[in-house]
Amino acid sequence: MSTTALPTAPSAAQRARWLVADSAALARRNLSHVRQIPEKLLDVTLQPIMFVLLFAFVFGGVIAIPDGNYREYLIGGILVQSLAFGMMGPGVAIATDLGEGFVDRVRSLPTSRSAYLGGHMIAELAAMTLAITILSLTGLVVGWRIHADVAHAVAGYGLLLLFALTMLWFGTLIGVLVRSPDAVAGFAFMAIFPLTFVSNAFIPVAGLPDGLQQVAEWNPISALVAAVRTLFGNPTGLPADPPWPLAHPVVAALLWCVLLLVVMVPLTVRRFRVRATG
């Protein structure tokens, strides 16, 4: 009497390998669009350069920084601001793929269920890394320098990548919540514009009027910017008696990023599954 062997379920290691392979394939698909439509990278290439040159040469001569020069003060703010506005790219991308049915086609294939989000994150994080690189090189051209040791400099870039990942999840959450890609820019602009400009990104918080100054001091963007400047050894322009987030900016920045990720990742995954199966 012969018996038929039942198929065995794939092991956790096999599922992990499939997830990595499928995510990498989808990331290559997203990155291949950049070769076909290079203008997709305008928000992480030319736009940050424009901001650096505008603020460095137009406003740099009229804004005084008590503990250094404005150009070295500026770059930390531009880095954080550019990554914050970078959330629009992943939001538009995932909203477009959901609206055009690409996510449905991916899920109809024998791929890992989480592969689409994995590939999406890999490709968008690569674009954010490109933005950080271009901004750093532009900063060097206008006179910015890192005055900290190698360990602190690496920690500064590590914090920027963590913040970039946080903003990717934020943008992706907006993308799975809205009904059309056009709505992403509106939501992102309303959320990020006041956060970045009512902060220490471009001017010291002590120069803001009462009320706005307190908002800026407790603004998470201010903590991120102050942390980057501290780790790079750049001027911070802090008031004489800074509040806790600005007195301990690195810890505050890490706490903000972790808190936002803890909230946004499960919300995004849950909403994505609803949209993808609806």
Protein backbone atom coordinates (compact mmCIF):
# COMPACT_ATOMS: atom_id res chain seq x y z
CA MET A 1 0.00 0.00 0.00
CA SER A 2 1.56 3.28 -1.09
CA THR A 3 1.22 6.53 0.73
CA THR A 4 1.37 10.05 -0.67
CA ALA A 5 3.59 12.46 1.19
CA LEU A 6 1.81 15.62 2.20
CA PRO A 7 3.50 18.89 1.21
CA THR A 8 5.35 20.47 4.11
CA ALA A 9 4.79 24.09 5.04
CA PRO A 10 7.72 26.38 4.22
CA SER A 11 10.00 27.15 7.11
CA ALA A 12 10.40 30.61 8.59
CA ALA A 13 13.81 30.92 6.90
CA GLN A 14 12.31 30.08 3.49
CA ARG A 15 9.51 32.62 3.96
CA ALA A 16 12.07 35.26 4.95
CA ARG A 17 14.15 34.54 1.82
CA TRP A 18 11.07 34.77 -0.38
CA LEU A 19 10.09 38.06 1.24
CA VAL A 20 13.55 39.53 0.67
CA ALA A 21 13.69 38.34 -2.95
CA ASP A 22 10.17 39.56 -3.77
CA SER A 23 10.76 42.92 -2.05
CA ALA A 24 14.01 43.41 -3.96
CA ALA A 25 12.26 42.65 -7.27
CA LEU A 26 9.52 45.18 -6.56
CA ALA A 27 12.08 47.76 -5.41
CA ARG A 28 13.90 47.34 -8.74
CA ARG A 29 10.57 47.90 -10.49
CA ASN A 30 10.07 51.19 -8.61
CA LEU A 31 13.65 52.33 -9.22
CA SER A 32 13.39 51.49 -12.93
CA HIS A 33 10.67 54.15 -13.20
CA VAL A 34 13.28 56.74 -12.22
CA ARG A 35 15.38 55.85 -15.28
CA GLN A 36 12.33 56.32 -17.49
CA ILE A 37 11.02 59.45 -15.73
CA PRO A 38 14.03 61.22 -14.09
CA GLU A 39 11.87 64.18 -13.03
CA LYS A 40 10.46 61.96 -10.27
CA LEU A 41 13.66 62.76 -8.35
CA LEU A 42 13.25 66.54 -8.53
CA ASP A 43 11.96 66.70 -4.95
CA VAL A 44 15.10 64.98 -3.61
CA THR A 45 17.69 66.54 -5.93
CA LEU A 46 17.10 70.01 -7.39
CA GLN A 47 14.59 71.18 -4.79
CA PRO A 48 16.93 70.69 -1.78
CA ILE A 49 19.79 72.38 -3.67
CA MET A 50 17.49 75.33 -4.41
CA PHE A 51 16.61 75.68 -0.72
CA VAL A 52 20.28 75.58 0.34
CA LEU A 53 21.32 78.24 -2.16
CA LEU A 54 18.28 80.42 -1.45
CA PHE A 55 18.68 80.49 2.32
CA ALA A 56 22.49 80.54 2.32
CA PHE A 57 22.92 83.45 -0.07
CA VAL A 58 19.66 85.39 0.31
CA PHE A 59 19.01 85.12 4.06
CA GLY A 60 22.47 84.17 5.30
CA GLY A 61 23.66 87.78 5.46
CA VAL A 62 20.76 89.04 7.60
CA ILE A 63 20.25 86.21 10.14
CA ALA A 64 22.77 86.19 12.99
CA ILE A 65 23.60 82.98 14.86
CA PRO A 66 25.12 83.59 18.31
CA ASP A 67 27.42 80.55 18.36
CA GLY A 68 28.52 80.30 14.71
CA ASN A 69 27.78 81.23 11.12
CA TYR A 70 24.42 80.84 9.44
CA ARG A 71 25.49 78.48 6.66
CA GLU A 72 26.66 75.85 9.14
CA TYR A 73 23.49 76.40 11.15
CA LEU A 74 21.32 76.07 8.03
CA ILE A 75 22.29 72.63 6.70
CA GLY A 76 20.88 70.66 9.63
CA GLY A 77 17.53 72.39 9.15
CA ILE A 78 17.51 71.86 5.39
CA LEU A 79 18.34 68.16 5.81
CA VAL A 80 15.44 67.58 8.19
CA GLN A 81 13.04 69.76 6.19
CA SER A 82 13.82 67.96 2.92
CA LEU A 83 13.29 64.54 4.50
CA ALA A 84 10.02 65.74 6.02
CA PHE A 85 8.69 66.93 2.66
CA GLY A 86 10.02 63.71 1.12
CA MET A 87 7.00 61.94 2.55
CA MET A 88 4.98 63.09 -0.48
CA GLY A 89 6.85 60.77 -2.87
CA PRO A 90 5.94 57.48 -1.14
CA GLY A 91 2.41 58.73 -0.49
CA VAL A 92 1.77 59.53 -4.13
CA ALA A 93 3.44 56.30 -5.28
CA ILE A 94 1.35 53.96 -3.16
CA ALA A 95 -1.87 55.90 -3.81
CA THR A 96 -1.19 55.61 -7.55
CA ASP A 97 -0.47 51.88 -7.39
CA LEU A 98 -3.63 51.26 -5.37
CA GLY A 99 -5.75 53.36 -7.72
CA GLU A 100 -4.37 51.80 -10.91
CA GLY A 101 -4.72 48.23 -9.67
CA PHE A 102 -1.00 47.41 -9.58
CA VAL A 103 -1.22 46.22 -5.97
CA ASP A 104 -4.05 43.85 -6.96
CA ARG A 105 -1.87 42.40 -9.74
CA VAL A 106 1.04 41.89 -7.33
CA ARG A 107 -1.16 40.15 -4.79
CA SER A 108 -2.54 37.84 -7.49
CA LEU A 109 0.99 36.54 -8.10
CA PRO A 110 2.77 33.94 -5.93
CA THR A 111 4.59 36.59 -3.92
CA SER A 112 4.95 37.26 -0.21
CA ARG A 113 2.04 39.25 1.17
CA SER A 114 4.36 41.91 2.59
CA ALA A 115 6.57 42.12 -0.51
CA TYR A 116 4.89 45.19 -1.98
CA LEU A 117 5.38 47.29 1.17
CA GLY A 118 8.93 45.96 1.52
CA GLY A 119 9.88 46.92 -2.04
CA HIS A 120 8.13 50.26 -1.68
CA MET A 121 10.15 51.11 1.44
CA ILE A 122 13.47 50.00 -0.05
CA ALA A 123 13.05 52.11 -3.18
CA GLU A 124 11.81 55.21 -1.34
CA LEU A 125 14.55 54.95 1.31
CA ALA A 126 17.10 54.83 -1.51
CA ALA A 127 15.68 58.12 -2.84
CA MET A 128 15.87 59.66 0.64
CA THR A 129 19.49 58.54 0.95
CA LEU A 130 20.24 60.22 -2.36
CA ALA A 131 18.70 63.45 -1.01
CA ILE A 132 20.89 63.30 2.11
CA THR A 133 23.99 62.77 -0.04
CA ILE A 134 23.19 65.64 -2.43
CA LEU A 135 22.40 68.01 0.43
CA SER A 136 25.63 67.13 2.23
CA LEU A 137 27.68 67.80 -0.90
CA THR A 138 25.82 71.07 -1.53
CA GLY A 139 26.47 72.07 2.07
CA LEU A 140 30.18 71.49 1.63
CA VAL A 141 30.13 73.78 -1.42
CA VAL A 142 28.53 76.67 0.52
CA GLY A 143 30.84 76.31 3.53
CA TRP A 144 29.22 73.74 5.83
CA ARG A 145 31.53 71.36 7.68
CA ILE A 146 31.20 68.53 10.19
CA HIS A 147 33.21 69.43 13.29
CA ALA A 148 32.47 66.30 15.33
CA ASP A 149 34.41 63.03 15.41
CA VAL A 150 33.61 60.09 13.12
CA ALA A 151 31.37 58.32 15.65
CA HIS A 152 29.17 61.38 16.17
CA ALA A 153 29.05 62.07 12.42
CA VAL A 154 27.93 58.49 11.72
CA ALA A 155 25.33 58.81 14.49
CA GLY A 156 24.08 62.02 12.86
CA TYR A 157 23.56 60.31 9.51
CA GLY A 158 22.02 57.32 11.27
CA LEU A 159 19.50 59.62 12.94
CA LEU A 160 18.70 61.21 9.57
CA LEU A 161 18.04 57.76 8.06
CA LEU A 162 15.80 56.86 11.01
CA PHE A 163 13.86 60.08 10.50
CA ALA A 164 13.67 59.36 6.76
CA LEU A 165 12.18 55.94 7.52
CA THR A 166 9.68 57.57 9.88
CA MET A 167 8.57 60.02 7.21
CA LEU A 168 8.30 57.19 4.66
CA TRP A 169 5.80 55.44 6.90
CA PHE A 170 3.97 58.73 7.47
CA GLY A 171 3.72 59.36 3.74
CA THR A 172 2.67 55.77 3.07
CA LEU A 173 -0.04 56.05 5.74
CA ILE A 174 -1.44 59.13 4.02
CA GLY A 175 -1.23 57.32 0.66
CA VAL A 176 -3.37 54.42 1.86
CA LEU A 177 -5.88 56.74 3.55
CA VAL A 178 -6.65 59.12 0.67
CA ARG A 179 -8.76 58.23 -2.36
CA SER A 180 -6.51 59.75 -5.04
CA PRO A 181 -2.81 60.61 -5.49
CA ASP A 182 -3.71 64.29 -5.93
CA ALA A 183 -4.90 64.48 -2.33
CA VAL A 184 -1.54 63.36 -0.91
CA ALA A 185 0.23 66.66 -1.61
CA GLY A 186 -2.54 68.64 0.10
CA PHE A 187 -2.48 66.54 3.26
CA ALA A 188 1.31 66.46 3.36
CA PHE A 189 1.61 70.20 2.84
CA MET A 190 -0.86 70.98 5.64
CA ALA A 191 0.98 68.67 8.04
CA ILE A 192 4.63 69.43 7.23
CA PHE A 193 4.67 73.09 6.22
CA PRO A 194 3.75 74.53 9.67
CA LEU A 195 5.92 71.97 11.48
CA THR A 196 9.07 72.87 9.53
CA PHE A 197 8.63 76.63 9.43
CA VAL A 198 7.48 77.04 13.06
CA SER A 199 10.67 75.43 14.28
CA ASN A 200 14.40 76.09 14.58
CA ALA A 201 15.08 74.80 11.06
CA PHE A 202 15.86 78.22 9.60
CA ILE A 203 16.04 80.69 12.50
CA PRO A 204 16.76 80.35 16.24
CA VAL A 205 13.58 79.85 18.27
CA ALA A 206 14.47 82.85 20.45
CA GLY A 207 13.72 85.08 17.45
CA LEU A 208 10.09 83.95 17.25
CA PRO A 209 7.28 85.90 18.92
CA ASP A 210 5.71 84.67 22.15
CA GLY A 211 3.38 81.76 21.58
CA LEU A 212 5.10 80.61 18.40
CA GLN A 213 8.36 80.31 20.34
CA GLN A 214 6.84 77.83 22.79
CA VAL A 215 5.32 75.83 19.94
CA ALA A 216 8.70 75.72 18.17
CA GLU A 217 10.52 74.65 21.33
CA TRP A 218 8.32 71.55 21.71
CA ASN A 219 8.00 70.88 17.98
CA PRO A 220 9.45 67.43 17.10
CA ILE A 221 11.11 68.95 14.03
CA SER A 222 13.05 71.32 16.32
CA ALA A 223 14.33 68.37 18.35
CA LEU A 224 15.42 66.55 15.16
CA VAL A 225 17.19 69.62 13.80
CA ALA A 226 18.93 70.38 17.11
CA ALA A 227 20.01 66.72 17.40
CA VAL A 228 21.54 66.71 13.90
CA ARG A 229 23.39 69.97 14.57
CA THR A 230 24.66 68.66 17.91
CA LEU A 231 25.93 65.38 16.44
CA PHE A 232 27.63 67.19 13.53
CA GLY A 233 29.19 69.79 15.85
CA ASN A 234 27.37 72.67 14.15
CA PRO A 235 25.93 75.83 15.76
CA THR A 236 22.64 75.16 17.54
CA GLY A 237 21.45 78.69 18.32
CA LEU A 238 19.70 77.48 21.49
CA PRO A 239 18.24 79.95 24.00
CA ALA A 240 19.94 80.41 27.36
CA ASP A 241 17.44 78.19 29.18
CA PRO A 242 16.18 75.68 26.59
CA PRO A 243 13.23 73.36 27.35
CA TRP A 244 13.87 69.65 27.81
CA PRO A 245 13.57 68.58 24.12
CA LEU A 246 16.18 71.16 23.05
CA ALA A 247 18.40 70.57 26.09
CA HIS A 248 18.47 66.82 25.27
CA PRO A 249 17.81 66.85 21.52
CA VAL A 250 19.28 63.46 20.59
CA VAL A 251 17.21 61.59 23.17
CA ALA A 252 14.10 63.63 22.29
CA ALA A 253 14.59 62.99 18.55
CA LEU A 254 14.96 59.24 19.07
CA LEU A 255 11.87 59.14 21.28
CA TRP A 256 9.81 61.05 18.69
CA CYS A 257 10.89 58.72 15.85
CA VAL A 258 10.25 55.54 17.84
CA LEU A 259 6.87 56.80 19.07
CA LEU A 260 5.74 57.76 15.57
CA LEU A 261 6.88 54.42 14.12
CA VAL A 262 5.12 52.45 16.84
CA VAL A 263 1.88 54.26 16.00
CA MET A 264 2.15 54.51 12.21
CA VAL A 265 3.51 51.11 11.16
CA PRO A 266 0.57 49.00 12.42
CA LEU A 267 -1.95 51.61 11.25
CA THR A 268 -0.39 51.66 7.77
CA VAL A 269 -0.19 47.88 7.46
CA ARG A 270 -3.79 47.45 8.63
CA ARG A 271 -5.14 50.10 6.28
CA PHE A 272 -3.06 48.76 3.37
CA ARG A 273 -4.54 45.30 3.85
CA VAL A 274 -8.06 46.76 3.87
CA ARG A 275 -7.42 48.73 0.66
CA ALA A 276 -5.65 45.84 -1.06
CA THR A 277 -8.40 43.33 -0.32
CA GLY A 278 -11.36 45.69 -0.62
